[in-house]
Protein backbone atom coordinates (compact mmCIF):
# COMPACT_ATOMS: atom_id res chain seq x y z
CA MET A 1 -0.96 -40.16 -41.34
CA PHE A 2 1.19 -40.24 -44.48
CA LYS A 3 -0.04 -41.97 -47.58
CA ASN A 4 1.06 -42.31 -51.17
CA THR A 5 -0.93 -39.91 -53.29
CA GLU A 6 -1.46 -40.06 -57.02
CA ILE A 7 -1.38 -36.74 -58.86
CA GLY A 8 -1.28 -35.53 -62.44
CA ILE A 9 0.63 -32.41 -63.50
CA ASP A 10 0.00 -30.33 -66.61
CA LEU A 11 3.32 -28.50 -66.82
CA GLY A 12 2.27 -25.86 -69.32
CA THR A 13 4.09 -22.91 -70.85
CA ALA A 14 1.43 -20.48 -69.60
CA ASN A 15 -0.14 -22.30 -66.62
CA THR A 16 0.70 -25.24 -64.39
CA LEU A 17 -2.17 -27.36 -63.10
CA VAL A 18 -2.11 -30.16 -60.54
CA TYR A 19 -4.89 -32.75 -60.43
CA SER A 20 -5.56 -35.06 -57.50
CA LYS A 21 -7.72 -38.15 -58.01
CA ASN A 22 -9.75 -37.44 -54.88
CA LYS A 23 -9.91 -33.64 -54.92
CA GLY A 24 -9.86 -32.71 -58.64
CA ILE A 25 -7.83 -29.62 -59.64
CA ILE A 26 -5.87 -28.57 -56.54
CA PHE A 27 -3.53 -26.04 -58.17
CA ASN A 28 -4.02 -23.81 -61.22
CA GLU A 29 -1.66 -20.85 -61.54
CA PRO A 30 0.62 -19.24 -64.16
CA SER A 31 4.01 -20.87 -64.80
CA VAL A 32 5.91 -17.78 -63.64
CA VAL A 33 8.64 -17.42 -61.03
CA ALA A 34 10.05 -14.24 -59.46
CA ILE A 35 13.71 -14.49 -58.43
CA ASP A 36 16.03 -12.24 -56.43
CA LEU A 37 19.19 -12.13 -58.58
CA ASN A 38 21.36 -11.13 -55.59
CA THR A 39 20.51 -14.23 -53.54
CA ASN A 40 19.06 -16.55 -56.26
CA GLN A 41 16.07 -17.10 -54.00
CA VAL A 42 12.54 -17.61 -55.29
CA LEU A 43 10.38 -14.72 -54.08
CA ALA A 44 7.04 -15.68 -55.66
CA VAL A 45 5.46 -18.37 -57.81
CA GLY A 46 2.28 -18.42 -59.88
CA LEU A 47 -0.27 -15.60 -59.62
CA ASP A 48 1.89 -13.55 -57.23
CA ALA A 49 4.83 -13.73 -59.66
CA LYS A 50 2.66 -12.95 -62.71
CA GLU A 51 1.45 -9.73 -61.09
CA MET A 52 5.13 -8.66 -60.80
CA ILE A 53 5.90 -9.01 -64.56
CA GLY A 54 7.29 -5.74 -65.90
CA LYS A 55 6.96 -4.00 -62.52
CA THR A 56 10.10 -5.06 -60.61
CA PRO A 57 13.45 -3.38 -59.80
CA ASP A 58 16.61 -4.60 -61.58
CA HIS A 59 17.59 -7.17 -58.94
CA ILE A 60 14.23 -8.98 -59.18
CA LYS A 61 13.56 -10.95 -62.35
CA THR A 62 10.31 -12.63 -63.42
CA VAL A 63 10.94 -15.79 -65.43
CA ARG A 64 8.79 -18.24 -67.35
CA PRO A 65 10.98 -21.37 -67.06
CA LEU A 66 9.00 -23.33 -69.66
CA LYS A 67 9.15 -22.49 -73.34
CA ASP A 68 7.07 -24.21 -76.03
CA GLY A 69 5.87 -26.76 -73.46
CA VAL A 70 9.37 -27.93 -72.47
CA ILE A 71 11.86 -26.88 -69.81
CA ALA A 72 14.02 -23.91 -70.78
CA ASP A 73 15.59 -23.41 -67.33
CA PHE A 74 15.95 -26.62 -65.33
CA ASP A 75 16.95 -25.16 -61.93
CA ILE A 76 14.14 -22.60 -61.86
CA THR A 77 11.60 -25.22 -63.00
CA ALA A 78 12.69 -27.55 -60.19
CA GLN A 79 12.33 -24.72 -57.65
CA MET A 80 8.94 -23.78 -59.10
CA LEU A 81 7.74 -27.39 -58.84
CA LYS A 82 8.82 -27.59 -55.18
CA HIS A 83 6.74 -24.49 -54.40
CA ILE A 84 3.80 -25.87 -56.40
CA MET A 85 3.92 -29.24 -54.58
CA LYS A 86 4.02 -27.40 -51.25
CA LYS A 87 1.00 -25.25 -52.20
CA ALA A 88 -0.86 -28.31 -53.53
CA THR A 89 -0.16 -30.23 -50.30
CA ASN A 90 -1.51 -27.33 -48.22
CA SER A 91 -4.68 -27.16 -50.30
CA VAL A 92 -5.33 -30.91 -49.98
CA LYS A 93 -4.51 -30.77 -46.26
CA VAL A 94 -2.93 -34.22 -46.51
CA ALA A 95 0.81 -34.78 -46.27
CA MET A 96 1.96 -36.14 -49.62
CA ARG A 97 4.88 -38.47 -49.16
CA LYS A 98 6.47 -39.64 -52.41
CA PRO A 99 3.42 -39.33 -54.68
CA ASN A 100 3.10 -41.20 -57.97
CA VAL A 101 3.06 -38.49 -60.62
CA VAL A 102 1.97 -38.41 -64.25
CA VAL A 103 3.26 -35.43 -66.25
CA CYS A 104 2.26 -34.56 -69.79
CA THR A 105 4.84 -33.74 -72.47
CA PRO A 106 4.38 -32.20 -75.93
CA PHE A 107 4.21 -34.75 -78.77
CA GLY A 108 7.34 -33.33 -80.40
CA ALA A 109 9.46 -33.31 -77.22
CA THR A 110 12.90 -34.90 -77.60
CA THR A 111 14.26 -37.62 -75.30
CA VAL A 112 16.46 -35.01 -73.58
CA GLU A 113 13.47 -32.69 -73.01
CA LYS A 114 11.41 -35.57 -71.58
CA LYS A 115 14.27 -36.61 -69.30
CA ALA A 116 14.54 -33.01 -68.02
CA ILE A 117 10.83 -33.01 -67.09
CA GLN A 118 11.19 -36.39 -65.35
CA ASP A 119 14.26 -35.27 -63.40
CA ALA A 120 12.64 -31.98 -62.34
CA VAL A 121 9.56 -33.77 -60.96
CA SER A 122 11.68 -36.52 -59.34
CA SER A 123 13.73 -33.86 -57.55
CA CYS A 124 10.54 -32.81 -55.73
CA GLY A 125 10.28 -36.21 -54.06
CA ALA A 126 8.02 -38.13 -56.44
CA LYS A 127 8.05 -41.90 -55.99
CA ARG A 128 7.42 -42.66 -59.67
CA VAL A 129 7.16 -40.29 -62.62
CA HIS A 130 5.24 -41.36 -65.71
CA LEU A 131 5.08 -39.31 -68.89
CA ILE A 132 2.01 -39.11 -71.10
CA GLU A 133 1.76 -37.26 -74.39
CA GLU A 134 -0.32 -34.11 -74.18
CA PRO A 135 -2.86 -34.92 -76.94
CA VAL A 136 -3.69 -38.26 -75.25
CA ALA A 137 -4.11 -36.53 -71.87
CA ALA A 138 -6.32 -33.84 -73.48
CA ALA A 139 -8.49 -36.53 -75.12
CA ILE A 140 -8.93 -38.39 -71.81
CA GLY A 141 -9.77 -35.10 -70.05
CA ALA A 142 -12.34 -34.30 -72.75
CA ASP A 143 -14.12 -37.64 -72.04
CA LEU A 144 -13.29 -39.12 -75.43
CA PRO A 145 -13.27 -42.93 -75.72
CA VAL A 146 -9.51 -43.16 -76.37
CA GLU A 147 -9.39 -46.88 -75.62
CA GLU A 148 -11.79 -47.72 -78.47
CA PRO A 149 -10.74 -48.22 -82.11
CA THR A 150 -12.51 -45.05 -83.28
CA ALA A 151 -11.02 -41.74 -84.39
CA ASN A 152 -10.79 -39.05 -81.72
CA VAL A 153 -9.43 -35.79 -83.14
CA ILE A 154 -8.05 -33.40 -80.55
CA VAL A 155 -6.77 -29.85 -81.14
CA ASP A 156 -4.97 -28.62 -78.01
CA ILE A 157 -4.06 -24.92 -78.28
CA GLY A 158 -1.82 -24.13 -75.33
CA GLY A 159 0.41 -21.20 -74.44
CA GLY A 160 3.52 -22.38 -76.28
CA THR A 161 2.35 -25.12 -78.64
CA THR A 162 -0.63 -26.31 -80.64
CA GLU A 163 -0.96 -30.07 -80.93
CA VAL A 164 -3.35 -31.71 -83.37
CA ALA A 165 -3.73 -35.48 -83.04
CA ILE A 166 -5.89 -38.35 -84.20
CA ILE A 167 -6.11 -40.87 -81.36
CA SER A 168 -7.44 -44.38 -81.74
CA TYR A 169 -7.14 -47.46 -79.54
CA GLY A 170 -5.15 -45.65 -76.85
CA GLY A 171 -2.40 -44.34 -79.15
CA ILE A 172 -1.63 -41.53 -81.57
CA VAL A 173 -2.33 -42.40 -85.21
CA SER A 174 -1.27 -39.05 -86.64
CA CYS A 175 -0.06 -35.87 -84.95
CA HIS A 176 1.30 -32.44 -85.84
CA SER A 177 2.82 -30.20 -83.17
CA ILE A 178 3.68 -26.58 -83.96
CA ARG A 179 5.28 -24.07 -81.65
CA ILE A 180 2.49 -21.56 -82.00
CA GLY A 181 -0.04 -20.91 -79.26
CA GLY A 182 -1.47 -18.18 -77.07
CA ASP A 183 1.97 -16.64 -76.44
CA GLN A 184 2.57 -16.18 -80.18
CA LEU A 185 -0.83 -14.46 -80.56
CA ASP A 186 0.16 -12.08 -77.73
CA GLU A 187 3.47 -11.39 -79.48
CA ASP A 188 1.62 -10.70 -82.76
CA ILE A 189 -0.49 -8.09 -80.96
CA ILE A 190 2.57 -6.46 -79.30
CA GLN A 191 4.37 -6.17 -82.67
CA TYR A 192 1.27 -4.84 -84.47
CA VAL A 193 0.63 -2.11 -81.87
CA ARG A 194 4.33 -1.20 -81.91
CA LYS A 195 4.54 -0.88 -85.71
CA THR A 196 1.17 0.78 -86.25
CA TYR A 197 0.96 3.16 -83.29
CA ASN A 198 4.58 3.42 -82.03
CA LEU A 199 3.18 2.21 -78.73
CA LEU A 200 5.02 -0.28 -76.53
CA ILE A 201 2.75 -2.58 -74.52
CA GLY A 202 3.54 -5.48 -72.19
CA GLU A 203 2.61 -9.17 -72.30
CA GLN A 204 -0.24 -8.81 -69.82
CA THR A 205 -1.80 -5.94 -71.78
CA ALA A 206 -1.52 -7.96 -75.02
CA GLU A 207 -3.20 -10.92 -73.35
CA GLN A 208 -6.02 -8.70 -72.10
CA ILE A 209 -6.53 -7.28 -75.62
CA LYS A 210 -6.64 -10.81 -77.08
CA MET A 211 -9.20 -11.98 -74.54
CA GLU A 212 -11.46 -8.92 -74.79
CA ILE A 213 -11.42 -7.93 -78.48
CA GLY A 214 -9.45 -10.72 -80.19
CA TYR A 215 -11.40 -12.57 -82.91
CA ALA A 216 -10.68 -15.41 -85.32
CA PRO A 217 -11.02 -14.37 -89.01
CA ILE A 218 -14.84 -14.26 -89.06
CA GLU A 219 -17.35 -11.44 -89.47
CA HIS A 220 -18.25 -9.87 -86.14
CA SER A 221 -19.67 -6.68 -84.66
CA PRO A 222 -16.68 -4.34 -84.27
CA VAL A 223 -15.63 -3.49 -80.72
CA SER A 224 -12.87 -1.24 -79.42
CA LEU A 225 -10.64 -1.05 -76.36
CA ASP A 226 -8.54 1.69 -74.79
CA VAL A 227 -4.94 0.48 -74.53
CA ARG A 228 -2.24 2.06 -72.36
CA GLY A 229 1.45 1.85 -73.09
CA ARG A 230 4.64 3.86 -73.63
CA ASP A 231 4.94 6.10 -76.69
CA LEU A 232 8.17 5.13 -78.47
CA VAL A 233 8.55 8.65 -79.94
CA THR A 234 8.12 10.79 -76.82
CA GLY A 235 8.84 8.10 -74.21
CA LEU A 236 5.74 9.18 -72.28
CA PRO A 237 2.71 7.11 -71.23
CA LYS A 238 -0.07 7.17 -73.81
CA THR A 239 -3.57 5.75 -74.33
CA MET A 240 -4.83 4.59 -77.74
CA THR A 241 -8.18 3.19 -78.87
CA ILE A 242 -7.74 -0.04 -80.85
CA GLN A 243 -10.40 -1.78 -82.95
CA SER A 244 -11.11 -5.52 -82.93
CA GLU A 245 -10.61 -5.74 -86.73
CA GLU A 246 -6.99 -4.62 -86.30
CA ILE A 247 -6.28 -7.28 -83.67
CA GLN A 248 -8.02 -9.85 -85.88
CA GLU A 249 -5.68 -8.92 -88.74
CA ALA A 250 -2.61 -9.06 -86.47
CA MET A 251 -3.38 -12.65 -85.40
CA THR A 252 -4.54 -14.05 -88.75
CA GLU A 253 -1.15 -15.38 -89.92
CA SER A 254 -0.61 -17.45 -86.75
CA LEU A 255 -4.19 -18.74 -86.84
CA LEU A 256 -3.75 -19.83 -90.46
CA ARG A 257 -0.69 -21.86 -89.43
CA ILE A 258 -2.81 -23.61 -86.79
CA LEU A 259 -5.42 -24.32 -89.49
CA GLU A 260 -2.69 -25.74 -91.77
CA SER A 261 -1.56 -28.15 -89.05
CA ILE A 262 -5.17 -29.34 -88.53
CA ARG A 263 -5.57 -29.94 -92.27
CA ALA A 264 -2.21 -31.72 -92.51
CA THR A 265 -3.20 -34.07 -89.67
CA LEU A 266 -6.62 -34.82 -91.19
CA GLU A 267 -4.99 -35.51 -94.57
CA GLU A 268 -2.86 -38.21 -92.92
CA SER A 269 -5.90 -39.94 -91.43
CA PRO A 270 -6.35 -43.58 -92.52
CA PRO A 271 -9.46 -43.95 -94.72
CA GLU A 272 -11.12 -46.24 -92.16
CA LEU A 273 -11.02 -43.47 -89.54
CA SER A 274 -12.19 -40.65 -91.84
CA GLY A 275 -15.83 -41.67 -91.45
CA ASP A 276 -15.57 -41.33 -87.65
CA ILE A 277 -14.10 -37.85 -88.04
CA VAL A 278 -16.99 -36.71 -90.24
CA ASP A 279 -19.48 -38.03 -87.65
CA GLN A 280 -17.76 -36.97 -84.42
CA GLY A 281 -15.80 -33.95 -85.60
CA VAL A 282 -12.88 -32.23 -83.90
CA ILE A 283 -12.59 -31.41 -80.19
CA LEU A 284 -10.89 -28.16 -79.08
CA THR A 285 -9.02 -27.96 -75.76
CA GLY A 286 -6.49 -25.56 -74.22
CA GLY A 287 -6.78 -21.88 -73.33
CA GLY A 288 -6.23 -20.74 -76.92
CA SER A 289 -9.44 -22.48 -77.99
CA LEU A 290 -11.43 -19.83 -76.06
CA LEU A 291 -10.57 -17.17 -78.67
CA ASN A 292 -13.76 -15.48 -79.88
CA GLY A 293 -15.15 -17.08 -83.05
CA LEU A 294 -12.45 -19.76 -83.33
CA GLN A 295 -14.84 -22.71 -83.20
CA GLU A 296 -17.08 -21.20 -85.92
CA TRP A 297 -14.12 -20.26 -88.16
CA LEU A 298 -12.51 -23.70 -87.99
CA SER A 299 -15.76 -25.54 -88.75
CA GLN A 300 -16.21 -23.33 -91.86
CA ARG A 301 -12.67 -24.03 -93.07
CA ILE A 302 -12.34 -27.78 -92.46
CA ILE A 303 -16.03 -28.62 -93.10
CA VAL A 304 -16.39 -31.05 -90.20
CA PRO A 305 -18.08 -30.34 -86.84
CA VAL A 306 -15.88 -28.53 -84.31
CA HIS A 307 -16.74 -28.83 -80.60
CA LEU A 308 -15.31 -27.03 -77.58
CA THR A 309 -14.82 -29.31 -74.58
CA ASP A 310 -16.54 -28.37 -71.29
CA GLN A 311 -13.33 -27.46 -69.44
CA PRO A 312 -10.80 -26.48 -72.12
CA LEU A 313 -8.28 -24.96 -69.70
CA GLU A 314 -8.29 -27.97 -67.38
CA ALA A 315 -8.76 -30.85 -69.86
CA VAL A 316 -5.06 -31.83 -70.05
CA ALA A 317 -4.62 -31.80 -66.25
CA ILE A 318 -7.83 -33.81 -65.72
CA GLY A 319 -6.75 -36.31 -68.38
CA THR A 320 -3.28 -36.59 -66.86
CA GLY A 321 -4.79 -37.42 -63.48
CA ARG A 322 -7.38 -39.84 -64.84
CA SER A 323 -4.75 -41.69 -66.85
CA LEU A 324 -3.20 -42.89 -63.58
CA ASP A 325 -5.68 -45.77 -63.56
CA VAL A 326 -4.73 -46.94 -67.04
CA ILE A 327 -1.16 -45.65 -67.23
CA ASN A 328 0.38 -49.07 -67.76
CA GLN A 329 -1.82 -49.90 -70.74
CA LEU A 330 -1.36 -46.44 -72.26
CA GLN A 331 2.37 -46.49 -71.59
CA LYS A 332 2.73 -49.72 -73.59
CA LYS A 333 0.77 -48.29 -76.51
CA ILE A 334 2.56 -44.93 -76.53
CA ASN A 335 6.00 -46.48 -76.27
């Protein structure tokens, strides 16, 4: 039997998550698509496509159709969403006919970028598409009382963007969005290894380095990792041992820019909300918040408590789905 389903989609630069009110997270895979250039057909989506990055022949291209949290390639995003909806339907084992969908958008997204997201989701057969700003979705997913007139400070470090927002009474009081996130940290590592060791590494290797030996600028017990890549001098494969202090140094500039955006947002806080911030602190969400030592470093630098939410990777998707119940009230306040 067909029924209208309500789902929330976190259409992220790095990962796309789908949340169903009854089943929770029903899809969580990388926002990557593999395409056959000869036929323009989609060969793989998500984890299968991510495993193909940097390993395909010339006629197969792996694409990340979202950049900085917004659509960079509309057609590929629409195709990706169709595959995602199909996979999500199979996992729920219920036919989804014209679901009501809530999709999150970055705070700084333009009207054109928002319209592109709406159109892409509508093309998959959604009955209604609502947009919610990412910091609000993250705050709802982190179980913060967004409907109350108290300050909720959210720092959402995603793949393409970092969004820092003070939310009170269902709306954004102050927000800074910068196009720096996990992808930029990976790029910093790639460039550092290239300049220092003449070694060319791929995105997946950089991400692995970041996760295993990447640290925020705090004191830590040094660790090392063997890294494989292509020697730019000889052109041959090569293995190097890299220390955690080097990776820490490579990422520091980008992390300082994230810190600046947090400070700038806090400086814009109305005096009446500043007391709440001192008491409740700042909540970290997003995959980038899992960087080793980040929570400790930020609390030292901004001198207010910094907490990591229970499910940082899934907070935005959970919040997007939960907001379905109160979307009309939130929509009025956001618009």
